Amino acid sequence: MAENDAMPTLPKKCGPYISSVTSRGMNLVIRGVVLFFIGVFLALVLNLLQIQRNVTLFPPDVITSIFSSAWWVPPCCGTASAVIGLLYPCMDRHLGEPHKFKREWSSVMRCVAVFVGINHASAKVDFANNIQLSLTLAALSIGLWWTFDRSRSGFGLGVGIAFLATLVSQLLVYNGVYQYTSPDFLYVRSWLPCIFFAGGITMGNIGRQLAMLPFKTMS
């Protein structure tokens, strides 16, 4: 019998990227921190697009930070991103349906690019009316889900996130924290839920990838 046949076969070490080198609790903290800073960065960039187009208007006394953004916007978006990014893989495990569709970083980066493009369209592209813009962004957002997610849990969470985020935006505008130019959906723009839906799908994909990417140990 060959010597190699006598050697026991060792299982390959694979699993969640961060949990391969840390405890479960530390894994959760690290992923949350990474998602928080990703959310902060995206909030600064996307909010800059909206302000340049005069889609959102902040009172002068609260415009105190970089990129002409109110100081509370980046940390709020970062916190929401961390919660969403941790919630998606948690929901996958709870439902017993691990998400395996296009699980690679190149797909996640394309998803982020499409999300930024949807935001850019909402701020830069001129449409005949808000209804036409809302329908276009709704189609693009659903297309983003179909291209990069296709899970029922992802769609359901995206709809829930869009509803809650739109409700919070309505309350903030009602209390005078900021305002939208030409609102057509109570106090905000009618296309805003589409942006929140696409953002939820995007951060969910990032969170899933952080939780599932195999870690290659150093020899």
N, C-alpha and C. Protein backbone atom coordinates (compact mmCIF):
# COMPACT_ATOMS: atom_id res chain seq x y z
N MET A 1 0.86 -1.19 0.00
CA MET A 1 0.00 0.00 0.00
C MET A 1 0.89 1.24 0.00
N ALA A 2 0.54 2.22 -0.79
CA ALA A 2 1.35 3.44 -0.88
C ALA A 2 1.28 4.21 0.41
N GLU A 3 2.39 4.97 0.66
CA GLU A 3 2.47 5.73 1.91
C GLU A 3 1.36 6.77 1.99
N ASN A 4 1.00 7.36 0.85
CA ASN A 4 -0.03 8.39 0.86
C ASN A 4 -1.38 7.83 1.25
N ASP A 5 -1.60 6.51 0.91
CA ASP A 5 -2.87 5.90 1.26
C ASP A 5 -3.02 5.70 2.74
N ALA A 6 -1.88 5.56 3.44
CA ALA A 6 -1.93 5.33 4.88
C ALA A 6 -2.16 6.60 5.66
N MET A 7 -1.89 7.73 5.04
CA MET A 7 -2.07 9.01 5.73
C MET A 7 -3.54 9.37 5.80
N PRO A 8 -4.03 9.76 6.98
CA PRO A 8 -5.44 10.16 7.09
C PRO A 8 -5.69 11.45 6.33
N THR A 9 -6.86 11.55 5.75
CA THR A 9 -7.24 12.75 5.01
C THR A 9 -7.78 13.80 5.96
N LEU A 10 -7.10 14.95 6.01
CA LEU A 10 -7.50 16.03 6.90
C LEU A 10 -8.53 16.90 6.20
N PRO A 11 -9.58 17.28 6.88
CA PRO A 11 -10.58 18.14 6.26
C PRO A 11 -9.99 19.52 5.99
N LYS A 12 -10.38 20.09 4.89
CA LYS A 12 -9.91 21.43 4.56
C LYS A 12 -10.54 22.45 5.50
N LYS A 13 -9.71 23.39 5.92
CA LYS A 13 -10.20 24.42 6.83
C LYS A 13 -10.89 25.50 6.00
N CYS A 14 -12.15 25.62 6.16
CA CYS A 14 -12.89 26.65 5.44
C CYS A 14 -14.06 27.08 6.31
N GLY A 15 -14.58 28.20 6.01
CA GLY A 15 -15.68 28.73 6.79
C GLY A 15 -15.74 30.22 6.64
N PRO A 16 -16.48 30.87 7.51
CA PRO A 16 -16.57 32.32 7.44
C PRO A 16 -15.19 32.96 7.51
N TYR A 17 -15.02 34.00 6.76
CA TYR A 17 -13.71 34.65 6.62
C TYR A 17 -13.12 35.07 7.96
N ILE A 18 -13.88 35.82 8.75
CA ILE A 18 -13.33 36.34 10.00
C ILE A 18 -13.38 35.30 11.10
N SER A 19 -14.42 34.47 11.14
CA SER A 19 -14.54 33.50 12.22
C SER A 19 -13.49 32.41 12.14
N SER A 20 -12.74 32.34 11.04
CA SER A 20 -11.66 31.37 10.94
C SER A 20 -10.52 31.72 11.89
N VAL A 21 -10.42 32.99 12.26
CA VAL A 21 -9.31 33.41 13.11
C VAL A 21 -9.78 34.06 14.40
N THR A 22 -11.08 34.17 14.61
CA THR A 22 -11.58 34.81 15.82
C THR A 22 -12.74 34.01 16.39
N SER A 23 -13.16 34.40 17.60
CA SER A 23 -14.34 33.78 18.19
C SER A 23 -15.60 34.30 17.51
N ARG A 24 -16.71 33.67 17.80
CA ARG A 24 -17.97 34.07 17.15
C ARG A 24 -18.36 35.50 17.51
N GLY A 25 -18.16 35.85 18.80
CA GLY A 25 -18.50 37.20 19.22
C GLY A 25 -17.63 38.25 18.56
N MET A 26 -16.31 37.99 18.49
CA MET A 26 -15.40 38.93 17.86
C MET A 26 -15.67 39.00 16.36
N ASN A 27 -16.04 37.87 15.76
CA ASN A 27 -16.40 37.84 14.35
C ASN A 27 -17.55 38.81 14.07
N LEU A 28 -18.56 38.79 14.94
CA LEU A 28 -19.71 39.66 14.78
C LEU A 28 -19.32 41.13 14.90
N VAL A 29 -18.47 41.42 15.87
CA VAL A 29 -18.03 42.81 16.09
C VAL A 29 -17.24 43.33 14.90
N ILE A 30 -16.30 42.53 14.41
CA ILE A 30 -15.46 42.96 13.29
C ILE A 30 -16.30 43.19 12.04
N ARG A 31 -17.21 42.26 11.76
CA ARG A 31 -18.06 42.44 10.59
C ARG A 31 -18.93 43.68 10.74
N GLY A 32 -19.43 43.93 11.94
CA GLY A 32 -20.23 45.12 12.18
C GLY A 32 -19.45 46.40 11.96
N VAL A 33 -18.20 46.42 12.41
CA VAL A 33 -17.36 47.61 12.23
C VAL A 33 -17.07 47.84 10.75
N VAL A 34 -16.74 46.77 10.04
CA VAL A 34 -16.47 46.90 8.60
C VAL A 34 -17.70 47.43 7.87
N LEU A 35 -18.86 46.87 8.17
CA LEU A 35 -20.10 47.31 7.53
C LEU A 35 -20.41 48.76 7.89
N PHE A 36 -20.12 49.15 9.13
CA PHE A 36 -20.37 50.53 9.56
C PHE A 36 -19.57 51.52 8.71
N PHE A 37 -18.29 51.26 8.53
CA PHE A 37 -17.46 52.19 7.77
C PHE A 37 -17.80 52.17 6.28
N ILE A 38 -18.23 51.03 5.76
CA ILE A 38 -18.70 51.00 4.37
C ILE A 38 -19.94 51.86 4.23
N GLY A 39 -20.85 51.76 5.18
CA GLY A 39 -22.06 52.58 5.15
C GLY A 39 -21.76 54.06 5.27
N VAL A 40 -20.81 54.42 6.11
CA VAL A 40 -20.42 55.83 6.25
C VAL A 40 -19.86 56.37 4.94
N PHE A 41 -18.99 55.60 4.32
CA PHE A 41 -18.39 56.04 3.05
C PHE A 41 -19.45 56.22 1.96
N LEU A 42 -20.34 55.24 1.82
CA LEU A 42 -21.38 55.35 0.81
C LEU A 42 -22.32 56.50 1.10
N ALA A 43 -22.61 56.75 2.38
CA ALA A 43 -23.50 57.86 2.74
C ALA A 43 -22.89 59.19 2.33
N LEU A 44 -21.60 59.37 2.56
CA LEU A 44 -20.94 60.63 2.20
C LEU A 44 -20.97 60.85 0.69
N VAL A 45 -20.66 59.80 -0.05
CA VAL A 45 -20.60 59.93 -1.51
C VAL A 45 -21.99 60.16 -2.10
N LEU A 46 -22.97 59.35 -1.67
CA LEU A 46 -24.31 59.45 -2.25
C LEU A 46 -25.02 60.72 -1.81
N ASN A 47 -24.80 61.15 -0.57
CA ASN A 47 -25.42 62.39 -0.10
C ASN A 47 -24.86 63.60 -0.84
N LEU A 48 -23.58 63.51 -1.22
CA LEU A 48 -22.98 64.58 -2.01
C LEU A 48 -23.68 64.73 -3.36
N LEU A 49 -24.03 63.60 -3.99
CA LEU A 49 -24.74 63.65 -5.26
C LEU A 49 -26.09 64.33 -5.10
N GLN A 50 -26.81 64.00 -4.01
CA GLN A 50 -28.13 64.57 -3.81
C GLN A 50 -28.06 66.07 -3.53
N ILE A 51 -27.07 66.49 -2.74
CA ILE A 51 -26.96 67.91 -2.40
C ILE A 51 -26.55 68.72 -3.62
N GLN A 52 -25.64 68.19 -4.44
CA GLN A 52 -25.22 68.91 -5.64
C GLN A 52 -26.38 69.14 -6.59
N ARG A 53 -27.34 68.24 -6.59
CA ARG A 53 -28.50 68.36 -7.47
C ARG A 53 -29.65 69.10 -6.79
N ASN A 54 -29.43 69.51 -5.52
CA ASN A 54 -30.46 70.19 -4.73
C ASN A 54 -31.70 69.32 -4.52
N VAL A 55 -31.47 67.99 -4.41
CA VAL A 55 -32.58 67.09 -4.10
C VAL A 55 -32.92 67.16 -2.62
N THR A 56 -31.85 67.23 -1.77
CA THR A 56 -32.05 67.39 -0.34
C THR A 56 -31.45 68.71 0.10
N LEU A 57 -32.10 69.34 1.05
CA LEU A 57 -31.64 70.62 1.57
C LEU A 57 -31.54 70.53 3.08
N PHE A 58 -30.36 70.87 3.64
CA PHE A 58 -30.16 70.89 5.08
C PHE A 58 -30.06 72.34 5.54
N PRO A 59 -30.58 72.64 6.72
CA PRO A 59 -30.41 73.99 7.25
C PRO A 59 -28.93 74.32 7.39
N PRO A 60 -28.53 75.59 7.17
CA PRO A 60 -27.10 75.95 7.21
C PRO A 60 -26.42 75.62 8.52
N ASP A 61 -27.16 75.66 9.64
CA ASP A 61 -26.50 75.46 10.93
C ASP A 61 -26.15 74.00 11.20
N VAL A 62 -26.67 73.06 10.39
CA VAL A 62 -26.33 71.66 10.63
C VAL A 62 -25.35 71.12 9.60
N ILE A 63 -24.97 71.94 8.64
CA ILE A 63 -24.00 71.50 7.64
C ILE A 63 -22.60 71.76 8.20
N THR A 64 -22.08 70.80 8.91
CA THR A 64 -20.85 71.02 9.67
C THR A 64 -19.73 70.07 9.32
N SER A 65 -19.97 69.12 8.41
CA SER A 65 -18.94 68.11 8.17
C SER A 65 -18.59 68.02 6.71
N ILE A 66 -17.67 67.11 6.41
CA ILE A 66 -17.14 66.95 5.06
C ILE A 66 -18.24 66.62 4.07
N PHE A 67 -18.03 67.03 2.82
CA PHE A 67 -18.97 66.80 1.72
C PHE A 67 -20.31 67.48 1.95
N SER A 68 -20.36 68.53 2.76
CA SER A 68 -21.59 69.28 2.99
C SER A 68 -22.73 68.39 3.50
N SER A 69 -22.40 67.45 4.30
CA SER A 69 -23.41 66.55 4.86
C SER A 69 -23.62 66.87 6.33
N ALA A 70 -24.87 66.79 6.80
CA ALA A 70 -25.13 66.96 8.22
C ALA A 70 -24.35 65.91 9.00
N TRP A 71 -23.87 66.28 10.17
CA TRP A 71 -22.93 65.42 10.90
C TRP A 71 -23.54 64.07 11.27
N TRP A 72 -24.87 64.03 11.45
CA TRP A 72 -25.50 62.81 11.93
C TRP A 72 -25.82 61.82 10.81
N VAL A 73 -25.75 62.26 9.55
CA VAL A 73 -26.12 61.37 8.45
C VAL A 73 -25.17 60.18 8.31
N PRO A 74 -23.83 60.40 8.24
CA PRO A 74 -22.93 59.24 8.08
C PRO A 74 -23.02 58.21 9.20
N PRO A 75 -23.00 58.62 10.50
CA PRO A 75 -23.09 57.58 11.53
C PRO A 75 -24.43 56.85 11.53
N CYS A 76 -25.52 57.55 11.21
CA CYS A 76 -26.82 56.87 11.14
C CYS A 76 -26.84 55.85 10.01
N CYS A 77 -26.32 56.25 8.85
CA CYS A 77 -26.27 55.32 7.72
C CYS A 77 -25.32 54.17 8.00
N GLY A 78 -24.20 54.45 8.67
CA GLY A 78 -23.26 53.40 9.03
C GLY A 78 -23.88 52.39 9.98
N THR A 79 -24.62 52.88 10.97
CA THR A 79 -25.29 51.99 11.92
C THR A 79 -26.34 51.13 11.21
N ALA A 80 -27.13 51.78 10.34
CA ALA A 80 -28.14 51.03 9.60
C ALA A 80 -27.49 49.98 8.70
N SER A 81 -26.36 50.33 8.07
CA SER A 81 -25.66 49.39 7.21
C SER A 81 -25.16 48.18 8.00
N ALA A 82 -24.64 48.43 9.19
CA ALA A 82 -24.15 47.34 10.03
C ALA A 82 -25.30 46.41 10.43
N VAL A 83 -26.43 46.99 10.82
CA VAL A 83 -27.58 46.17 11.21
C VAL A 83 -28.08 45.34 10.04
N ILE A 84 -28.21 45.97 8.87
CA ILE A 84 -28.71 45.27 7.69
C ILE A 84 -27.73 44.17 7.26
N GLY A 85 -26.43 44.52 7.23
CA GLY A 85 -25.42 43.56 6.80
C GLY A 85 -25.31 42.35 7.71
N LEU A 86 -25.59 42.53 9.00
CA LEU A 86 -25.58 41.41 9.93
C LEU A 86 -26.91 40.65 9.92
N LEU A 87 -27.99 41.35 9.59
CA LEU A 87 -29.31 40.73 9.62
C LEU A 87 -29.51 39.75 8.48
N TYR A 88 -28.99 40.06 7.31
CA TYR A 88 -29.21 39.18 6.15
C TYR A 88 -28.66 37.77 6.36
N PRO A 89 -27.36 37.60 6.70
CA PRO A 89 -26.88 36.22 6.93
C PRO A 89 -27.54 35.56 8.12
N CYS A 90 -27.92 36.36 9.13
CA CYS A 90 -28.63 35.80 10.29
C CYS A 90 -29.99 35.25 9.86
N MET A 91 -30.68 35.98 9.00
CA MET A 91 -31.98 35.51 8.51
C MET A 91 -31.82 34.27 7.64
N ASP A 92 -30.74 34.23 6.84
CA ASP A 92 -30.49 33.04 6.02
C ASP A 92 -30.34 31.80 6.90
N ARG A 93 -29.57 31.93 7.99
CA ARG A 93 -29.37 30.80 8.89
C ARG A 93 -30.67 30.43 9.59
N HIS A 94 -31.44 31.43 9.97
CA HIS A 94 -32.70 31.18 10.69
C HIS A 94 -33.69 30.44 9.82
N LEU A 95 -33.73 30.78 8.53
CA LEU A 95 -34.65 30.13 7.60
C LEU A 95 -34.12 28.81 7.08
N GLY A 96 -32.84 28.53 7.35
CA GLY A 96 -32.25 27.30 6.86
C GLY A 96 -32.03 27.28 5.38
N GLU A 97 -31.92 28.46 4.77
CA GLU A 97 -31.71 28.56 3.33
C GLU A 97 -30.46 29.40 3.06
N PRO A 98 -29.27 28.80 3.15
CA PRO A 98 -28.04 29.55 2.90
C PRO A 98 -28.03 30.14 1.50
N HIS A 99 -27.65 31.40 1.41
CA HIS A 99 -27.66 32.10 0.12
C HIS A 99 -26.36 31.80 -0.63
N LYS A 100 -26.46 31.18 -1.81
CA LYS A 100 -25.28 30.77 -2.57
C LYS A 100 -25.24 31.37 -3.97
N PHE A 101 -26.17 32.28 -4.28
CA PHE A 101 -26.24 32.82 -5.63
C PHE A 101 -25.17 33.90 -5.82
N LYS A 102 -24.24 33.67 -6.75
CA LYS A 102 -23.17 34.63 -7.09
C LYS A 102 -22.41 35.08 -5.85
N ARG A 103 -21.86 34.11 -5.12
CA ARG A 103 -21.16 34.43 -3.90
C ARG A 103 -19.68 34.66 -4.18
N GLU A 104 -19.34 35.81 -4.73
CA GLU A 104 -17.95 36.19 -4.91
C GLU A 104 -17.87 37.71 -4.83
N TRP A 105 -16.68 38.22 -4.50
CA TRP A 105 -16.53 39.66 -4.30
C TRP A 105 -16.74 40.46 -5.57
N SER A 106 -16.42 39.88 -6.73
CA SER A 106 -16.63 40.61 -7.98
C SER A 106 -18.11 40.91 -8.17
N SER A 107 -18.98 39.96 -7.81
CA SER A 107 -20.42 40.18 -7.91
C SER A 107 -20.88 41.25 -6.92
N VAL A 108 -20.32 41.23 -5.72
CA VAL A 108 -20.68 42.23 -4.71
C VAL A 108 -20.27 43.62 -5.17
N MET A 109 -19.07 43.75 -5.74
CA MET A 109 -18.61 45.05 -6.22
C MET A 109 -19.48 45.56 -7.36
N ARG A 110 -19.93 44.67 -8.23
CA ARG A 110 -20.84 45.08 -9.30
C ARG A 110 -22.18 45.54 -8.73
N CYS A 111 -22.63 44.86 -7.68
CA CYS A 111 -23.87 45.26 -7.03
C CYS A 111 -23.74 46.67 -6.45
N VAL A 112 -22.61 46.96 -5.80
CA VAL A 112 -22.37 48.30 -5.26
C VAL A 112 -22.36 49.34 -6.38
N ALA A 113 -21.72 49.00 -7.50
CA ALA A 113 -21.65 49.92 -8.63
C ALA A 113 -23.04 50.22 -9.19
N VAL A 114 -23.88 49.20 -9.29
CA VAL A 114 -25.25 49.40 -9.79
C VAL A 114 -26.04 50.27 -8.81
N PHE A 115 -25.85 50.03 -7.51
CA PHE A 115 -26.54 50.83 -6.49
C PHE A 115 -26.14 52.30 -6.59
N VAL A 116 -24.85 52.56 -6.74
CA VAL A 116 -24.39 53.95 -6.91
C VAL A 116 -24.97 54.54 -8.19
N GLY A 117 -25.05 53.72 -9.25
CA GLY A 117 -25.64 54.19 -10.50
C GLY A 117 -27.10 54.56 -10.36
N ILE A 118 -27.85 53.77 -9.57
CA ILE A 118 -29.26 54.09 -9.34
C ILE A 118 -29.38 55.42 -8.60
N ASN A 119 -28.54 55.64 -7.60
CA ASN A 119 -28.54 56.92 -6.90
C ASN A 119 -28.17 58.07 -7.82
N HIS A 120 -27.18 57.83 -8.67
CA HIS A 120 -26.76 58.86 -9.61
C HIS A 120 -27.90 59.21 -10.57
N ALA A 121 -28.65 58.21 -11.00
CA ALA A 121 -29.79 58.46 -11.89
C ALA A 121 -30.85 59.29 -11.20
N SER A 122 -31.09 59.01 -9.91
CA SER A 122 -32.12 59.77 -9.19
C SER A 122 -31.74 61.23 -9.04
N ALA A 123 -30.43 61.52 -9.03
CA ALA A 123 -29.98 62.89 -8.81
C ALA A 123 -29.65 63.64 -10.10
N LYS A 124 -29.24 62.92 -11.14
CA LYS A 124 -28.70 63.58 -12.33
C LYS A 124 -29.60 63.51 -13.56
N VAL A 125 -30.35 62.41 -13.70
CA VAL A 125 -31.13 62.22 -14.92
C VAL A 125 -32.46 62.95 -14.81
N ASP A 126 -32.79 63.72 -15.82
CA ASP A 126 -34.04 64.47 -15.84
C ASP A 126 -35.14 63.64 -16.51
N PHE A 127 -36.27 63.49 -15.80
CA PHE A 127 -37.43 62.79 -16.33
C PHE A 127 -38.58 63.77 -16.48
N ALA A 128 -39.58 63.37 -17.26
CA ALA A 128 -40.71 64.26 -17.50
C ALA A 128 -41.47 64.56 -16.22
N ASN A 129 -41.57 63.56 -15.33
CA ASN A 129 -42.27 63.77 -14.06
C ASN A 129 -41.74 62.77 -13.04
N ASN A 130 -42.16 62.95 -11.79
CA ASN A 130 -41.69 62.09 -10.71
C ASN A 130 -42.20 60.67 -10.84
N ILE A 131 -43.39 60.50 -11.42
CA ILE A 131 -43.94 59.15 -11.58
C ILE A 131 -43.07 58.32 -12.52
N GLN A 132 -42.66 58.94 -13.62
CA GLN A 132 -41.79 58.24 -14.57
C GLN A 132 -40.46 57.89 -13.93
N LEU A 133 -39.91 58.82 -13.15
CA LEU A 133 -38.65 58.56 -12.45
C LEU A 133 -38.81 57.44 -11.43
N SER A 134 -39.92 57.46 -10.68
CA SER A 134 -40.14 56.44 -9.66
C SER A 134 -40.29 55.05 -10.27
N LEU A 135 -41.03 54.95 -11.38
CA LEU A 135 -41.21 53.66 -12.03
C LEU A 135 -39.88 53.14 -12.59
N THR A 136 -39.07 54.05 -13.13
CA THR A 136 -37.77 53.65 -13.67
C THR A 136 -36.86 53.13 -12.56
N LEU A 137 -36.80 53.86 -11.45
CA LEU A 137 -35.95 53.44 -10.34
C LEU A 137 -36.48 52.16 -9.69
N ALA A 138 -37.79 51.98 -9.66
CA ALA A 138 -38.36 50.75 -9.13
C ALA A 138 -37.93 49.56 -9.97
N ALA A 139 -37.98 49.72 -11.30
CA ALA A 139 -37.56 48.64 -12.19
C ALA A 139 -36.07 48.35 -12.03
N LEU A 140 -35.25 49.39 -11.89
CA LEU A 140 -33.82 49.20 -11.71
C LEU A 140 -33.52 48.51 -10.38
N SER A 141 -34.25 48.87 -9.33
CA SER A 141 -34.02 48.28 -8.02
C SER A 141 -34.40 46.80 -8.00
N ILE A 142 -35.54 46.47 -8.60
CA ILE A 142 -35.93 45.07 -8.69
C ILE A 142 -34.96 44.30 -9.57
N GLY A 143 -34.47 44.94 -10.62
CA GLY A 143 -33.46 44.32 -11.46
C GLY A 143 -32.18 44.05 -10.70
N LEU A 144 -31.81 44.95 -9.79
CA LEU A 144 -30.63 44.73 -8.95
C LEU A 144 -30.82 43.51 -8.07
N TRP A 145 -32.03 43.39 -7.47
CA TRP A 145 -32.31 42.21 -6.64
C TRP A 145 -32.26 40.93 -7.48
N TRP A 146 -32.85 40.96 -8.66
CA TRP A 146 -32.89 39.77 -9.49
C TRP A 146 -31.49 39.38 -9.97
N THR A 147 -30.64 40.35 -10.23
CA THR A 147 -29.31 40.07 -10.75
C THR A 147 -28.34 39.58 -9.68
N PHE A 148 -28.46 40.12 -8.46
CA PHE A 148 -27.45 39.84 -7.44
C PHE A 148 -27.97 39.11 -6.20
N ASP A 149 -29.28 38.84 -6.13
CA ASP A 149 -29.81 38.22 -4.92
C ASP A 149 -30.74 37.04 -5.26
N ARG A 150 -31.94 37.35 -5.73
CA ARG A 150 -32.96 36.36 -6.12
C ARG A 150 -33.49 35.52 -4.97
N SER A 151 -33.28 35.91 -3.73
CA SER A 151 -33.81 35.15 -2.61
C SER A 151 -35.08 35.82 -2.09
N ARG A 152 -36.02 35.01 -1.63
CA ARG A 152 -37.25 35.55 -1.08
C ARG A 152 -37.00 36.32 0.20
N SER A 153 -36.07 35.82 1.01
CA SER A 153 -35.75 36.53 2.25
C SER A 153 -35.12 37.88 1.94
N GLY A 154 -34.27 37.93 0.92
CA GLY A 154 -33.65 39.20 0.55
C GLY A 154 -34.67 40.21 0.07
N PHE A 155 -35.64 39.74 -0.73
CA PHE A 155 -36.67 40.64 -1.24
C PHE A 155 -37.55 41.13 -0.10
N GLY A 156 -37.94 40.21 0.79
CA GLY A 156 -38.79 40.60 1.91
C GLY A 156 -38.10 41.59 2.84
N LEU A 157 -36.83 41.34 3.17
CA LEU A 157 -36.10 42.28 4.00
C LEU A 157 -35.92 43.62 3.31
N GLY A 158 -35.68 43.58 1.99
CA GLY A 158 -35.53 44.84 1.25
C GLY A 158 -36.79 45.68 1.31
N VAL A 159 -37.96 45.04 1.15
CA VAL A 159 -39.23 45.77 1.22
C VAL A 159 -39.44 46.33 2.63
N GLY A 160 -39.15 45.51 3.65
CA GLY A 160 -39.30 45.98 5.03
C GLY A 160 -38.38 47.15 5.34
N ILE A 161 -37.14 47.06 4.87
CA ILE A 161 -36.18 48.15 5.09
C ILE A 161 -36.64 49.42 4.39
N ALA A 162 -37.13 49.27 3.15
CA ALA A 162 -37.61 50.43 2.40
C ALA A 162 -38.78 51.11 3.13
N PHE A 163 -39.68 50.32 3.67
CA PHE A 163 -40.84 50.88 4.38
C PHE A 163 -40.40 51.62 5.64
N LEU A 164 -39.57 50.98 6.46
CA LEU A 164 -39.15 51.60 7.72
C LEU A 164 -38.30 52.85 7.47
N ALA A 165 -37.38 52.77 6.51
CA ALA A 165 -36.52 53.91 6.22
C ALA A 165 -37.31 55.09 5.67
N THR A 166 -38.30 54.80 4.83
CA THR A 166 -39.14 55.87 4.29
C THR A 166 -39.97 56.52 5.40
N LEU A 167 -40.46 55.71 6.32
CA LEU A 167 -41.23 56.23 7.45
C LEU A 167 -40.37 57.14 8.31
N VAL A 168 -39.13 56.71 8.59
CA VAL A 168 -38.22 57.54 9.39
C VAL A 168 -37.92 58.85 8.66
N SER A 169 -37.72 58.78 7.34
CA SER A 169 -37.45 59.99 6.56
C SER A 169 -38.63 60.95 6.62
N GLN A 170 -39.84 60.41 6.55
CA GLN A 170 -41.04 61.26 6.65
C GLN A 170 -41.07 61.98 7.99
N LEU A 171 -40.74 61.26 9.06
CA LEU A 171 -40.76 61.87 10.40
C LEU A 171 -39.68 62.95 10.54
N LEU A 172 -38.50 62.70 9.97
CA LEU A 172 -37.42 63.68 10.05
C LEU A 172 -37.77 64.95 9.30
N VAL A 173 -38.33 64.79 8.10
CA VAL A 173 -38.72 65.96 7.33
C VAL A 173 -39.86 66.71 8.01
N TYR A 174 -40.81 65.97 8.57
CA TYR A 174 -41.94 66.59 9.26
C TYR A 174 -41.47 67.44 10.44
N ASN A 175 -40.39 66.99 11.11
CA ASN A 175 -39.85 67.73 12.25
C ASN A 175 -38.81 68.77 11.86
N GLY A 176 -38.62 68.99 10.57
CA GLY A 176 -37.76 70.07 10.11
C GLY A 176 -36.28 69.79 10.17
N VAL A 177 -35.88 68.51 10.28
CA VAL A 177 -34.46 68.20 10.32
C VAL A 177 -33.80 68.48 8.97
N TYR A 178 -34.48 68.13 7.89
CA TYR A 178 -34.05 68.48 6.54
C TYR A 178 -35.28 68.45 5.65
N GLN A 179 -35.12 68.70 4.37
CA GLN A 179 -36.27 68.71 3.48
C GLN A 179 -35.87 68.29 2.08
N TYR A 180 -36.88 67.86 1.32
CA TYR A 180 -36.70 67.51 -0.09
C TYR A 180 -37.30 68.62 -0.95
N THR A 181 -36.64 68.91 -2.04
CA THR A 181 -37.21 69.85 -2.99
C THR A 181 -38.29 69.13 -3.80
N SER A 182 -39.40 69.79 -4.02
CA SER A 182 -40.53 69.27 -4.80
C SER A 182 -40.99 67.91 -4.30
N PRO A 183 -41.35 67.77 -3.03
CA PRO A 183 -41.84 66.47 -2.55
C PRO A 183 -43.17 66.12 -3.19
N ASP A 184 -43.36 64.83 -3.49
CA ASP A 184 -44.60 64.39 -4.11
C ASP A 184 -45.19 63.17 -3.41
N PHE A 185 -44.52 62.68 -2.36
CA PHE A 185 -45.01 61.54 -1.59
C PHE A 185 -45.02 61.96 -0.13
N LEU A 186 -46.11 62.63 0.27
CA LEU A 186 -46.20 63.30 1.57
C LEU A 186 -45.07 64.33 1.67
N TYR A 187 -44.02 64.04 2.48
CA TYR A 187 -42.96 65.03 2.67
C TYR A 187 -41.68 64.71 1.89
N VAL A 188 -41.65 63.57 1.21
CA VAL A 188 -40.42 63.15 0.52
C VAL A 188 -40.73 62.87 -0.95
N ARG A 189 -39.71 62.40 -1.67
CA ARG A 189 -39.88 62.03 -3.06
C ARG A 189 -40.41 60.60 -3.17
N SER A 190 -41.23 60.36 -4.19
CA SER A 190 -41.86 59.05 -4.33
C SER A 190 -40.88 57.94 -4.68
N TRP A 191 -39.69 58.31 -5.21
CA TRP A 191 -38.71 57.29 -5.57
C TRP A 191 -37.82 56.87 -4.41
N LEU A 192 -37.97 57.52 -3.26
CA LEU A 192 -37.08 57.23 -2.13
C LEU A 192 -37.14 55.78 -1.67
N PRO A 193 -38.32 55.12 -1.60
CA PRO A 193 -38.33 53.71 -1.21
C PRO A 193 -37.52 52.82 -2.13
N CYS A 194 -37.44 53.17 -3.42
CA CYS A 194 -36.64 52.37 -4.35
C CYS A 194 -35.16 52.43 -3.98
N ILE A 195 -34.70 53.62 -3.58
CA ILE A 195 -33.31 53.77 -3.17
C ILE A 195 -33.02 52.96 -1.91
N PHE A 196 -33.93 53.01 -0.96
CA PHE A 196 -33.75 52.26 0.28
C PHE A 196 -33.78 50.75 0.02
N PHE A 197 -34.65 50.32 -0.88
CA PHE A 197 -34.72 48.89 -1.22
C PHE A 197 -33.40 48.43 -1.83
N ALA A 198 -32.90 49.19 -2.81
CA ALA A 198 -31.63 48.84 -3.45
C ALA A 198 -30.48 48.87 -2.45
N GLY A 199 -30.50 49.85 -1.54
CA GLY A 199 -29.46 49.93 -0.53
C GLY A 199 -29.47 48.74 0.42
N GLY A 200 -30.68 48.28 0.78
CA GLY A 200 -30.79 47.11 1.64
C GLY A 200 -30.24 45.86 0.98
N ILE A 201 -30.56 45.68 -0.30
CA ILE A 201 -30.05 44.52 -1.04
C ILE A 201 -28.52 44.59 -1.13
N THR A 202 -27.99 45.78 -1.39
CA THR A 202 -26.54 45.95 -1.54
C THR A 202 -25.81 45.64 -0.24
N MET A 203 -26.26 46.23 0.87
CA MET A 203 -25.58 45.99 2.15
C MET A 203 -25.80 44.55 2.60
N GLY A 204 -26.94 43.96 2.24
CA GLY A 204 -27.15 42.55 2.57
C GLY A 204 -26.17 41.65 1.86
N ASN A 205 -25.89 41.96 0.59
CA ASN A 205 -24.91 41.16 -0.15
C ASN A 205 -23.51 41.30 0.44
N ILE A 206 -23.16 42.53 0.84
CA ILE A 206 -21.84 42.73 1.47
C ILE A 206 -21.77 41.94 2.77
N GLY A 207 -22.81 42.03 3.58
CA GLY A 207 -22.83 41.31 4.84
C GLY A 207 -22.77 39.81 4.66
N ARG A 208 -23.48 39.28 3.67
CA ARG A 208 -23.42 37.85 3.39
C ARG A 208 -22.03 37.42 2.96
N GLN A 209 -21.38 38.24 2.14
CA GLN A 209 -20.05 37.87 1.67
C GLN A 209 -19.04 37.88 2.80
N LEU A 210 -19.13 38.86 3.69
CA LEU A 210 -18.23 38.90 4.85
C LEU A 210 -18.44 37.68 5.75
N ALA A 211 -19.66 37.17 5.79
CA ALA A 211 -19.95 36.03 6.66
C ALA A 211 -19.62 34.69 6.03
N MET A 212 -19.48 34.66 4.70
CA MET A 212 -19.33 33.37 4.01
C MET A 212 -17.98 33.17 3.34
N LEU A 213 -17.19 34.20 3.14
CA LEU A 213 -15.96 34.07 2.36
C LEU A 213 -14.96 33.18 3.06
N PRO A 214 -14.45 32.11 2.42
CA PRO A 214 -13.47 31.25 3.05
C PRO A 214 -12.18 31.99 3.34
N PHE A 215 -11.56 31.63 4.43
CA PHE A 215 -10.29 32.24 4.82
C PHE A 215 -9.16 31.26 4.57
N LYS A 216 -8.16 31.67 3.81
CA LYS A 216 -7.00 30.81 3.53
C LYS A 216 -5.93 31.04 4.59
N THR A 217 -5.68 30.03 5.38
CA THR A 217 -4.70 30.17 6.44
C THR A 217 -3.30 30.19 5.87
N MET A 218 -2.44 30.92 6.56
CA MET A 218 -1.04 31.01 6.13
C MET A 218 -0.30 29.75 6.54
N SER A 219 0.50 29.23 5.64
CA SER A 219 1.24 28.00 5.94
C SER A 219 2.49 28.34 6.75
